[in-house]
PDB file of all heavy atoms in Angstrom:
ATOM      1  N   THR A   1      78.178 112.477  81.315  1.00  0.00           N
ATOM      2  CA  THR A   1      77.289 112.362  80.154  1.00  0.00           C
ATOM      3  C   THR A   1      78.032 111.615  79.054  1.00  0.00           C
ATOM      4  O   THR A   1      79.242 111.399  79.142  1.00  0.00           O
ATOM      5  CB  THR A   1      76.870 113.745  79.646  1.00  0.00           C
ATOM      6  OG1 THR A   1      78.060 114.480  79.305  1.00  0.00           O
ATOM      7  CG2 THR A   1      76.108 114.518  80.716  1.00  0.00           C
ATOM      8  N   GLU A   2      77.319 111.240  78.015  1.00  0.00           N
ATOM      9  CA  GLU A   2      77.911 110.458  76.930  1.00  0.00           C
ATOM     10  C   GLU A   2      79.122 111.155  76.319  1.00  0.00           C
ATOM     11  O   GLU A   2      80.149 110.549  76.057  1.00  0.00           O
ATOM     12  CB  GLU A   2      76.870 110.184  75.840  1.00  0.00           C
ATOM     13  CG  GLU A   2      75.858 109.116  76.201  1.00  0.00           C
ATOM     14  CD  GLU A   2      76.489 107.754  76.417  1.00  0.00           C
ATOM     15  OE1 GLU A   2      77.490 107.451  75.738  1.00  0.00           O
ATOM     16  OE2 GLU A   2      76.005 107.004  77.285  1.00  0.00           O
ATOM     17  N   GLU A   3      79.020 112.490  76.106  1.00  0.00           N
ATOM     18  CA  GLU A   3      80.116 113.208  75.456  1.00  0.00           C
ATOM     19  C   GLU A   3      81.341 113.374  76.361  1.00  0.00           C
ATOM     20  O   GLU A   3      82.434 113.704  75.897  1.00  0.00           O
ATOM     21  CB  GLU A   3      79.649 114.583  74.953  1.00  0.00           C
ATOM     22  CG  GLU A   3      79.046 115.487  76.003  1.00  0.00           C
ATOM     23  CD  GLU A   3      77.531 115.357  76.075  1.00  0.00           C
ATOM     24  OE1 GLU A   3      77.006 114.275  75.744  1.00  0.00           O
ATOM     25  OE2 GLU A   3      76.878 116.339  76.463  1.00  0.00           O
ATOM     26  N   ASP A   4      81.151 113.158  77.691  1.00  0.00           N
ATOM     27  CA  ASP A   4      82.277 113.288  78.622  1.00  0.00           C
ATOM     28  C   ASP A   4      83.029 111.972  78.828  1.00  0.00           C
ATOM     29  O   ASP A   4      84.087 111.949  79.453  1.00  0.00           O
ATOM     30  CB  ASP A   4      81.791 113.797  79.991  1.00  0.00           C
ATOM     31  CG  ASP A   4      81.252 115.215  79.907  1.00  0.00           C
ATOM     32  OD1 ASP A   4      81.758 115.972  79.065  1.00  0.00           O
ATOM     33  OD2 ASP A   4      80.333 115.542  80.675  1.00  0.00           O
ATOM     34  N   LYS A   5      82.478 110.885  78.326  1.00  0.00           N
ATOM     35  CA  LYS A   5      83.127 109.584  78.496  1.00  0.00           C
ATOM     36  C   LYS A   5      84.288 109.488  77.503  1.00  0.00           C
ATOM     37  O   LYS A   5      84.089 109.233  76.314  1.00  0.00           O
ATOM     38  CB  LYS A   5      82.128 108.453  78.266  1.00  0.00           C
ATOM     39  CG  LYS A   5      80.995 108.426  79.288  1.00  0.00           C
ATOM     40  CD  LYS A   5      79.978 107.346  78.965  1.00  0.00           C
ATOM     41  CE  LYS A   5      78.801 107.396  79.916  1.00  0.00           C
ATOM     42  NZ  LYS A   5      77.766 106.410  79.581  1.00  0.00           N
ATOM     43  N   VAL A   6      85.479 109.752  78.029  1.00  0.00           N
ATOM     44  CA  VAL A   6      86.648 109.866  77.142  1.00  0.00           C
ATOM     45  C   VAL A   6      87.673 108.763  77.420  1.00  0.00           C
ATOM     46  O   VAL A   6      87.435 107.857  78.216  1.00  0.00           O
ATOM     47  CB  VAL A   6      87.297 111.266  77.309  1.00  0.00           C
ATOM     48  CG1 VAL A   6      86.440 112.330  76.682  1.00  0.00           C
ATOM     49  CG2 VAL A   6      87.527 111.569  78.784  1.00  0.00           C
ATOM     50  N   GLU A   7      88.826 108.912  76.779  1.00  0.00           N
ATOM     51  CA  GLU A   7      89.857 107.875  76.853  1.00  0.00           C
ATOM     52  C   GLU A   7      90.327 107.628  78.285  1.00  0.00           C
ATOM     53  O   GLU A   7      90.194 108.474  79.159  1.00  0.00           O
ATOM     54  CB  GLU A   7      91.045 108.278  75.969  1.00  0.00           C
ATOM     55  CG  GLU A   7      90.747 108.260  74.469  1.00  0.00           C
ATOM     56  CD  GLU A   7      90.044 109.516  73.992  1.00  0.00           C
ATOM     57  OE1 GLU A   7      89.727 110.371  74.851  1.00  0.00           O
ATOM     58  OE2 GLU A   7      89.786 109.647  72.784  1.00  0.00           O
ATOM     59  N   ASP A   8      90.939 106.475  78.483  1.00  0.00           N
ATOM     60  CA  ASP A   8      91.396 106.058  79.811  1.00  0.00           C
ATOM     61  C   ASP A   8      92.507 106.934  80.364  1.00  0.00           C
ATOM     62  O   ASP A   8      92.722 106.978  81.573  1.00  0.00           O
ATOM     63  CB  ASP A   8      91.875 104.606  79.774  1.00  0.00           C
ATOM     64  CG  ASP A   8      90.715 103.632  79.640  1.00  0.00           C
ATOM     65  OD1 ASP A   8      89.585 104.036  79.965  1.00  0.00           O
ATOM     66  OD2 ASP A   8      90.954 102.480  79.222  1.00  0.00           O
ATOM     67  N   ASP A   9      93.251 107.629  79.486  1.00  0.00           N
ATOM     68  CA  ASP A   9      94.378 108.423  79.987  1.00  0.00           C
ATOM     69  C   ASP A   9      93.960 109.802  80.486  1.00  0.00           C
ATOM     70  O   ASP A   9      94.794 110.607  80.873  1.00  0.00           O
ATOM     71  CB  ASP A   9      95.468 108.563  78.921  1.00  0.00           C
ATOM     72  CG  ASP A   9      94.963 109.243  77.658  1.00  0.00           C
ATOM     73  OD1 ASP A   9      93.728 109.365  77.513  1.00  0.00           O
ATOM     74  OD2 ASP A   9      95.806 109.664  76.828  1.00  0.00           O
ATOM     75  N   VAL A  10      92.660 110.087  80.484  1.00  0.00           N
ATOM     76  CA  VAL A  10      92.159 111.357  81.033  1.00  0.00           C
ATOM     77  C   VAL A  10      91.909 111.190  82.528  1.00  0.00           C
ATOM     78  O   VAL A  10      91.304 110.212  82.968  1.00  0.00           O
ATOM     79  CB  VAL A  10      90.871 111.800  80.316  1.00  0.00           C
ATOM     80  CG1 VAL A  10      90.270 113.027  80.997  1.00  0.00           C
ATOM     81  CG2 VAL A  10      91.161 112.097  78.852  1.00  0.00           C
ATOM     82  N   VAL A  11      92.409 112.151  83.302  1.00  0.00           N
ATOM     83  CA  VAL A  11      92.239 112.118  84.756  1.00  0.00           C
ATOM     84  C   VAL A  11      91.282 113.236  85.169  1.00  0.00           C
ATOM     85  O   VAL A  11      91.442 114.386  84.732  1.00  0.00           O
ATOM     86  CB  VAL A  11      93.601 112.308  85.473  1.00  0.00           C
ATOM     87  CG1 VAL A  11      93.412 112.290  86.983  1.00  0.00           C
ATOM     88  CG2 VAL A  11      94.580 111.224  85.050  1.00  0.00           C
ATOM     89  N   PHE A  12      90.301 112.897  85.991  1.00  0.00           N
ATOM     90  CA  PHE A  12      89.302 113.882  86.425  1.00  0.00           C
ATOM     91  C   PHE A  12      89.578 114.346  87.859  1.00  0.00           C
ATOM     92  O   PHE A  12      89.981 113.550  88.717  1.00  0.00           O
ATOM     93  CB  PHE A  12      87.893 113.287  86.358  1.00  0.00           C
ATOM     94  CG  PHE A  12      87.371 113.118  84.961  1.00  0.00           C
ATOM     95  CD1 PHE A  12      87.464 111.888  84.311  1.00  0.00           C
ATOM     96  CD2 PHE A  12      86.774 114.172  84.291  1.00  0.00           C
ATOM     97  CE1 PHE A  12      86.991 111.717  83.028  1.00  0.00           C
ATOM     98  CE2 PHE A  12      86.282 114.019  83.002  1.00  0.00           C
ATOM     99  CZ  PHE A  12      86.392 112.786  82.368  1.00  0.00           C
ATOM    100  N   TYR A  13      89.334 115.629  88.106  1.00  0.00           N
ATOM    101  CA  TYR A  13      89.455 116.221  89.439  1.00  0.00           C
ATOM    102  C   TYR A  13      88.199 117.022  89.738  1.00  0.00           C
ATOM    103  O   TYR A  13      87.542 117.526  88.828  1.00  0.00           O
ATOM    104  CB  TYR A  13      90.659 117.167  89.514  1.00  0.00           C
ATOM    105  CG  TYR A  13      91.993 116.522  89.253  1.00  0.00           C
ATOM    106  CD1 TYR A  13      92.508 116.433  87.961  1.00  0.00           C
ATOM    107  CD2 TYR A  13      92.742 115.998  90.302  1.00  0.00           C
ATOM    108  CE1 TYR A  13      93.729 115.833  87.718  1.00  0.00           C
ATOM    109  CE2 TYR A  13      93.973 115.397  90.074  1.00  0.00           C
ATOM    110  CZ  TYR A  13      94.456 115.320  88.774  1.00  0.00           C
ATOM    111  OH  TYR A  13      95.665 114.726  88.542  1.00  0.00           O
ATOM    112  N   LEU A  14      87.884 117.168  91.025  1.00  0.00           N
ATOM    113  CA  LEU A  14      86.842 118.100  91.456  1.00  0.00           C
ATOM    114  C   LEU A  14      87.511 119.232  92.220  1.00  0.00           C
ATOM    115  O   LEU A  14      88.329 118.982  93.106  1.00  0.00           O
ATOM    116  CB  LEU A  14      85.816 117.411  92.364  1.00  0.00           C
ATOM    117  CG  LEU A  14      84.766 116.522  91.698  1.00  0.00           C
ATOM    118  CD1 LEU A  14      83.804 115.979  92.757  1.00  0.00           C
ATOM    119  CD2 LEU A  14      83.977 117.280  90.647  1.00  0.00           C
ATOM    120  N   VAL A  15      87.173 120.472  91.881  1.00  0.00           N
ATOM    121  CA  VAL A  15      87.724 121.639  92.564  1.00  0.00           C
ATOM    122  C   VAL A  15      86.575 122.378  93.262  1.00  0.00           C
ATOM    123  O   VAL A  15      85.632 122.825  92.604  1.00  0.00           O
ATOM    124  CB  VAL A  15      88.453 122.587  91.582  1.00  0.00           C
ATOM    125  CG1 VAL A  15      88.977 123.806  92.337  1.00  0.00           C
ATOM    126  CG2 VAL A  15      89.592 121.861  90.886  1.00  0.00           C
ATOM    127  N   PHE A  16      86.651 122.458  94.599  1.00  0.00           N
ATOM    128  CA  PHE A  16      85.647 123.141  95.418  1.00  0.00           C
ATOM    129  C   PHE A  16      86.215 124.510  95.806  1.00  0.00           C
ATOM    130  O   PHE A  16      87.259 124.583  96.458  1.00  0.00           O
ATOM    131  CB  PHE A  16      85.357 122.353  96.707  1.00  0.00           C
ATOM    132  CG  PHE A  16      84.829 120.960  96.487  1.00  0.00           C
ATOM    133  CD1 PHE A  16      85.675 119.930  96.079  1.00  0.00           C
ATOM    134  CD2 PHE A  16      83.489 120.670  96.703  1.00  0.00           C
ATOM    135  CE1 PHE A  16      85.199 118.635  95.891  1.00  0.00           C
ATOM    136  CE2 PHE A  16      83.000 119.374  96.526  1.00  0.00           C
ATOM    137  CZ  PHE A  16      83.860 118.366  96.118  1.00  0.00           C
ATOM    138  N   THR A  17      85.526 125.586  95.433  1.00  0.00           N
ATOM    139  CA  THR A  17      86.012 126.935  95.741  1.00  0.00           C
ATOM    140  C   THR A  17      85.078 127.619  96.723  1.00  0.00           C
ATOM    141  O   THR A  17      83.941 127.966  96.373  1.00  0.00           O
ATOM    142  CB  THR A  17      86.141 127.783  94.456  1.00  0.00           C
ATOM    143  OG1 THR A  17      87.005 127.104  93.537  1.00  0.00           O
ATOM    144  CG2 THR A  17      86.723 129.146  94.772  1.00  0.00           C
ATOM    145  N   GLY A  18      85.545 127.780  97.972  1.00  0.00           N
ATOM    146  CA  GLY A  18      84.755 128.456  98.996  1.00  0.00           C
ATOM    147  C   GLY A  18      85.229 129.887  99.194  1.00  0.00           C
ATOM    148  O   GLY A  18      86.089 130.381  98.452  1.00  0.00           O
ATOM    149  N   SER A  19      84.709 130.541 100.219  1.00  0.00           N
ATOM    150  CA  SER A  19      85.044 131.943 100.455  1.00  0.00           C
ATOM    151  C   SER A  19      86.473 132.114 100.963  1.00  0.00           C
ATOM    152  O   SER A  19      87.135 133.114 100.654  1.00  0.00           O
ATOM    153  CB  SER A  19      84.057 132.564 101.453  1.00  0.00           C
ATOM    154  OG  SER A  19      84.017 131.793 102.640  1.00  0.00           O
ATOM    155  N   THR A  20      86.977 131.149 101.727  1.00  0.00           N
ATOM    156  CA  THR A  20      88.338 131.282 102.278  1.00  0.00           C
ATOM    157  C   THR A  20      89.218 130.064 102.022  1.00  0.00           C
ATOM    158  O   THR A  20      90.420 130.115 102.248  1.00  0.00           O
ATOM    159  CB  THR A  20      88.290 131.522 103.810  1.00  0.00           C
ATOM    160  OG1 THR A  20      87.657 130.400 104.438  1.00  0.00           O
ATOM    161  CG2 THR A  20      87.524 132.797 104.144  1.00  0.00           C
ATOM    162  N   VAL A  21      88.612 128.961 101.570  1.00  0.00           N
ATOM    163  CA  VAL A  21      89.369 127.716 101.378  1.00  0.00           C
ATOM    164  C   VAL A  21      89.013 127.097 100.029  1.00  0.00           C
ATOM    165  O   VAL A  21      87.863 127.162  99.593  1.00  0.00           O
ATOM    166  CB  VAL A  21      89.063 126.707 102.515  1.00  0.00           C
ATOM    167  CG1 VAL A  21      89.729 125.373 102.254  1.00  0.00           C
ATOM    168  CG2 VAL A  21      89.520 127.252 103.859  1.00  0.00           C
ATOM    169  N   GLN A  22      90.021 126.495  99.385  1.00  0.00           N
ATOM    170  CA  GLN A  22      89.799 125.780  98.127  1.00  0.00           C
ATOM    171  C   GLN A  22      90.310 124.344  98.280  1.00  0.00           C
ATOM    172  O   GLN A  22      91.359 124.111  98.876  1.00  0.00           O
ATOM    173  CB  GLN A  22      90.526 126.482  96.984  1.00  0.00           C
ATOM    174  CG  GLN A  22      90.146 125.965  95.600  1.00  0.00           C
ATOM    175  CD  GLN A  22      90.753 126.810  94.497  1.00  0.00           C
ATOM    176  OE1 GLN A  22      91.920 127.184  94.560  1.00  0.00           O
ATOM    177  NE2 GLN A  22      89.970 127.115  93.470  1.00  0.00           N
ATOM    178  N   HIS A  23      89.544 123.388  97.728  1.00  0.00           N
ATOM    179  CA  HIS A  23      89.923 121.979  97.791  1.00  0.00           C
ATOM    180  C   HIS A  23      89.999 121.419  96.374  1.00  0.00           C
ATOM    181  O   HIS A  23      89.176 121.756  95.522  1.00  0.00           O
ATOM    182  CB  HIS A  23      88.882 121.140  98.557  1.00  0.00           C
ATOM    183  CG  HIS A  23      88.412 121.747  99.834  1.00  0.00           C
ATOM    184  ND1 HIS A  23      89.071 121.582 101.033  1.00  0.00           N
ATOM    185  CD2 HIS A  23      87.315 122.501 100.117  1.00  0.00           C
ATOM    186  CE1 HIS A  23      88.410 122.221 101.998  1.00  0.00           C
ATOM    187  NE2 HIS A  23      87.339 122.774 101.458  1.00  0.00           N
ATOM    188  N   CYS A  24      90.970 120.562  96.151  1.00  0.00           N
ATOM    189  CA  CYS A  24      91.066 119.838  94.878  1.00  0.00           C
ATOM    190  C   CYS A  24      91.175 118.353  95.202  1.00  0.00           C
ATOM    191  O   CYS A  24      92.080 117.939  95.928  1.00  0.00           O
ATOM    192  CB  CYS A  24      92.277 120.316  94.080  1.00  0.00           C
ATOM    193  SG  CYS A  24      92.504 119.424  92.531  1.00  0.00           S
ATOM    194  N   THR A  25      90.233 117.549  94.689  1.00  0.00           N
ATOM    195  CA  THR A  25      90.240 116.117  94.985  1.00  0.00           C
ATOM    196  C   THR A  25      90.445 115.312  93.712  1.00  0.00           C
ATOM    197  O   THR A  25      89.893 115.644  92.657  1.00  0.00           O
ATOM    198  CB  THR A  25      88.921 115.661  95.645  1.00  0.00           C
ATOM    199  OG1 THR A  25      87.870 115.692  94.665  1.00  0.00           O
ATOM    200  CG2 THR A  25      88.552 116.541  96.817  1.00  0.00           C
ATOM    201  N   SER A  26      91.243 114.253  93.805  1.00  0.00           N
ATOM    202  CA  SER A  26      91.336 113.317  92.692  1.00  0.00           C
ATOM    203  C   SER A  26      90.090 112.441  92.712  1.00  0.00           C
ATOM    204  O   SER A  26      89.310 112.466  93.670  1.00  0.00           O
ATOM    205  CB  SER A  26      92.605 112.473  92.813  1.00  0.00           C
ATOM    206  OG  SER A  26      92.551 111.644  93.951  1.00  0.00           O
ATOM    207  N   THR A  27      89.873 111.678  91.656  1.00  0.00           N
ATOM    208  CA  THR A  27      88.694 110.810  91.584  1.00  0.00           C
ATOM    209  C   THR A  27      89.116 109.395  91.193  1.00  0.00           C
ATOM    210  O   THR A  27      90.215 109.170  90.691  1.00  0.00           O
ATOM    211  CB  THR A  27      87.670 111.312  90.541  1.00  0.00           C
ATOM    212  OG1 THR A  27      88.276 111.256  89.247  1.00  0.00           O
ATOM    213  CG2 THR A  27      87.217 112.725  90.846  1.00  0.00           C
ATOM    214  N   ARG A  28      88.219 108.464  91.430  1.00  0.00           N
ATOM    215  CA  ARG A  28      88.427 107.078  91.040  1.00  0.00           C
ATOM    216  C   ARG A  28      87.341 106.698  90.052  1.00  0.00           C
ATOM    217  O   ARG A  28      86.155 106.984  90.279  1.00  0.00           O
ATOM    218  CB  ARG A  28      88.346 106.175  92.274  1.00  0.00           C
ATOM    219  CG  ARG A  28      88.605 104.722  91.987  1.00  0.00           C
ATOM    220  CD  ARG A  28      88.494 103.893  93.243  1.00  0.00           C
ATOM    221  NE  ARG A  28      87.105 103.683  93.648  1.00  0.00           N
ATOM    222  CZ  ARG A  28      86.706 102.723  94.473  1.00  0.00           C
ATOM    223  NH1 ARG A  28      87.593 101.907  95.001  1.00  0.00           N
ATOM    224  NH2 ARG A  28      85.438 102.589  94.800  1.00  0.00           N
ATOM    225  N   LYS A  29      87.725 106.080  88.929  1.00  0.00           N
ATOM    226  CA  LYS A  29      86.738 105.663  87.934  1.00  0.00           C
ATOM    227  C   LYS A  29      86.099 104.352  88.364  1.00  0.00           C
ATOM    228  O   LYS A  29      86.778 103.361  88.576  1.00  0.00           O
ATOM    229  CB  LYS A  29      87.406 105.496  86.567  1.00  0.00           C
ATOM    230  CG  LYS A  29      87.797 106.802  85.903  1.00  0.00           C
ATOM    231  CD  LYS A  29      88.449 106.561  84.554  1.00  0.00           C
ATOM    232  CE  LYS A  29      88.903 107.897  83.948  1.00  0.00           C
ATOM    233  NZ  LYS A  29      89.652 107.701  82.675  1.00  0.00           N
ATOM    234  N   ILE A  30      84.776 104.366  88.522  1.00  0.00           N
ATOM    235  CA  ILE A  30      84.038 103.143  88.859  1.00  0.00           C
ATOM    236  C   ILE A  30      83.762 102.368  87.575  1.00  0.00           C
ATOM    237  O   ILE A  30      83.904 101.155  87.521  1.00  0.00           O
ATOM    238  CB  ILE A  30      82.702 103.481  89.558  1.00  0.00           C
ATOM    239  CG1 ILE A  30      82.927 104.416  90.735  1.00  0.00           C
ATOM    240  CG2 ILE A  30      81.977 102.216  89.993  1.00  0.00           C
ATOM    241  CD1 ILE A  30      81.656 104.938  91.353  1.00  0.00           C
ATOM    242  N   ASN A  31      83.330 103.092  86.549  1.00  0.00           N
ATOM    243  CA  ASN A  31      83.070 102.533  85.215  1.00  0.00           C
ATOM    244  C   ASN A  31      83.209 103.689  84.226  1.00  0.00           C
ATOM    245  O   ASN A  31      83.469 104.822  84.646  1.00  0.00           O
ATOM    246  CB  ASN A  31      81.674 101.879  85.163  1.00  0.00           C
ATOM    247  CG  ASN A  31      80.574 102.838  85.614  1.00  0.00           C
ATOM    248  OD1 ASN A  31      80.449 103.940  85.073  1.00  0.00           O
ATOM    249  ND2 ASN A  31      79.785 102.419  86.592  1.00  0.00           N
ATOM    250  N   PRO A  32      83.051 103.460  82.925  1.00  0.00           N
ATOM    251  CA  PRO A  32      83.264 104.552  81.954  1.00  0.00           C
ATOM    252  C   PRO A  32      82.393 105.783  82.174  1.00  0.00           C
ATOM    253  O   PRO A  32      82.758 106.886  81.753  1.00  0.00           O
ATOM    254  CB  PRO A  32      82.931 103.882  80.614  1.00  0.00           C
ATOM    255  CG  PRO A  32      83.227 102.434  80.833  1.00  0.00           C
ATOM    256  CD  PRO A  32      82.845 102.160  82.250  1.00  0.00           C
ATOM    257  N   GLY A  33      81.261 105.617  82.859  1.00  0.00           N
ATOM    258  CA  GLY A  33      80.368 106.763  83.026  1.00  0.00           C
ATOM    259  C   GLY A  33      80.272 107.301  84.442  1.00  0.00           C
ATOM    260  O   GLY A  33      79.488 108.215  84.710  1.00  0.00           O
ATOM    261  N   SER A  34      81.049 106.757  85.399  1.00  0.00           N
ATOM    262  CA  SER A  34      80.916 107.179  86.804  1.00  0.00           C
ATOM    263  C   SER A  34      82.268 107.373  87.476  1.00  0.00           C
ATOM    264  O   SER A  34      83.198 106.589  87.263  1.00  0.00           O
ATOM    265  CB  SER A  34      80.112 106.150  87.600  1.00  0.00           C
ATOM    266  OG  SER A  34      78.831 105.973  87.052  1.00  0.00           O
TER     267      SER A  34
END
């Protein structure tokens, strides 16, 4: 969203939490909003 579009030095991760396994993935910026 507009308020989440922050400076270039911010790194985003996705954390998936399941019943027995947890995953953490890095992300790649396609553009400022994706």
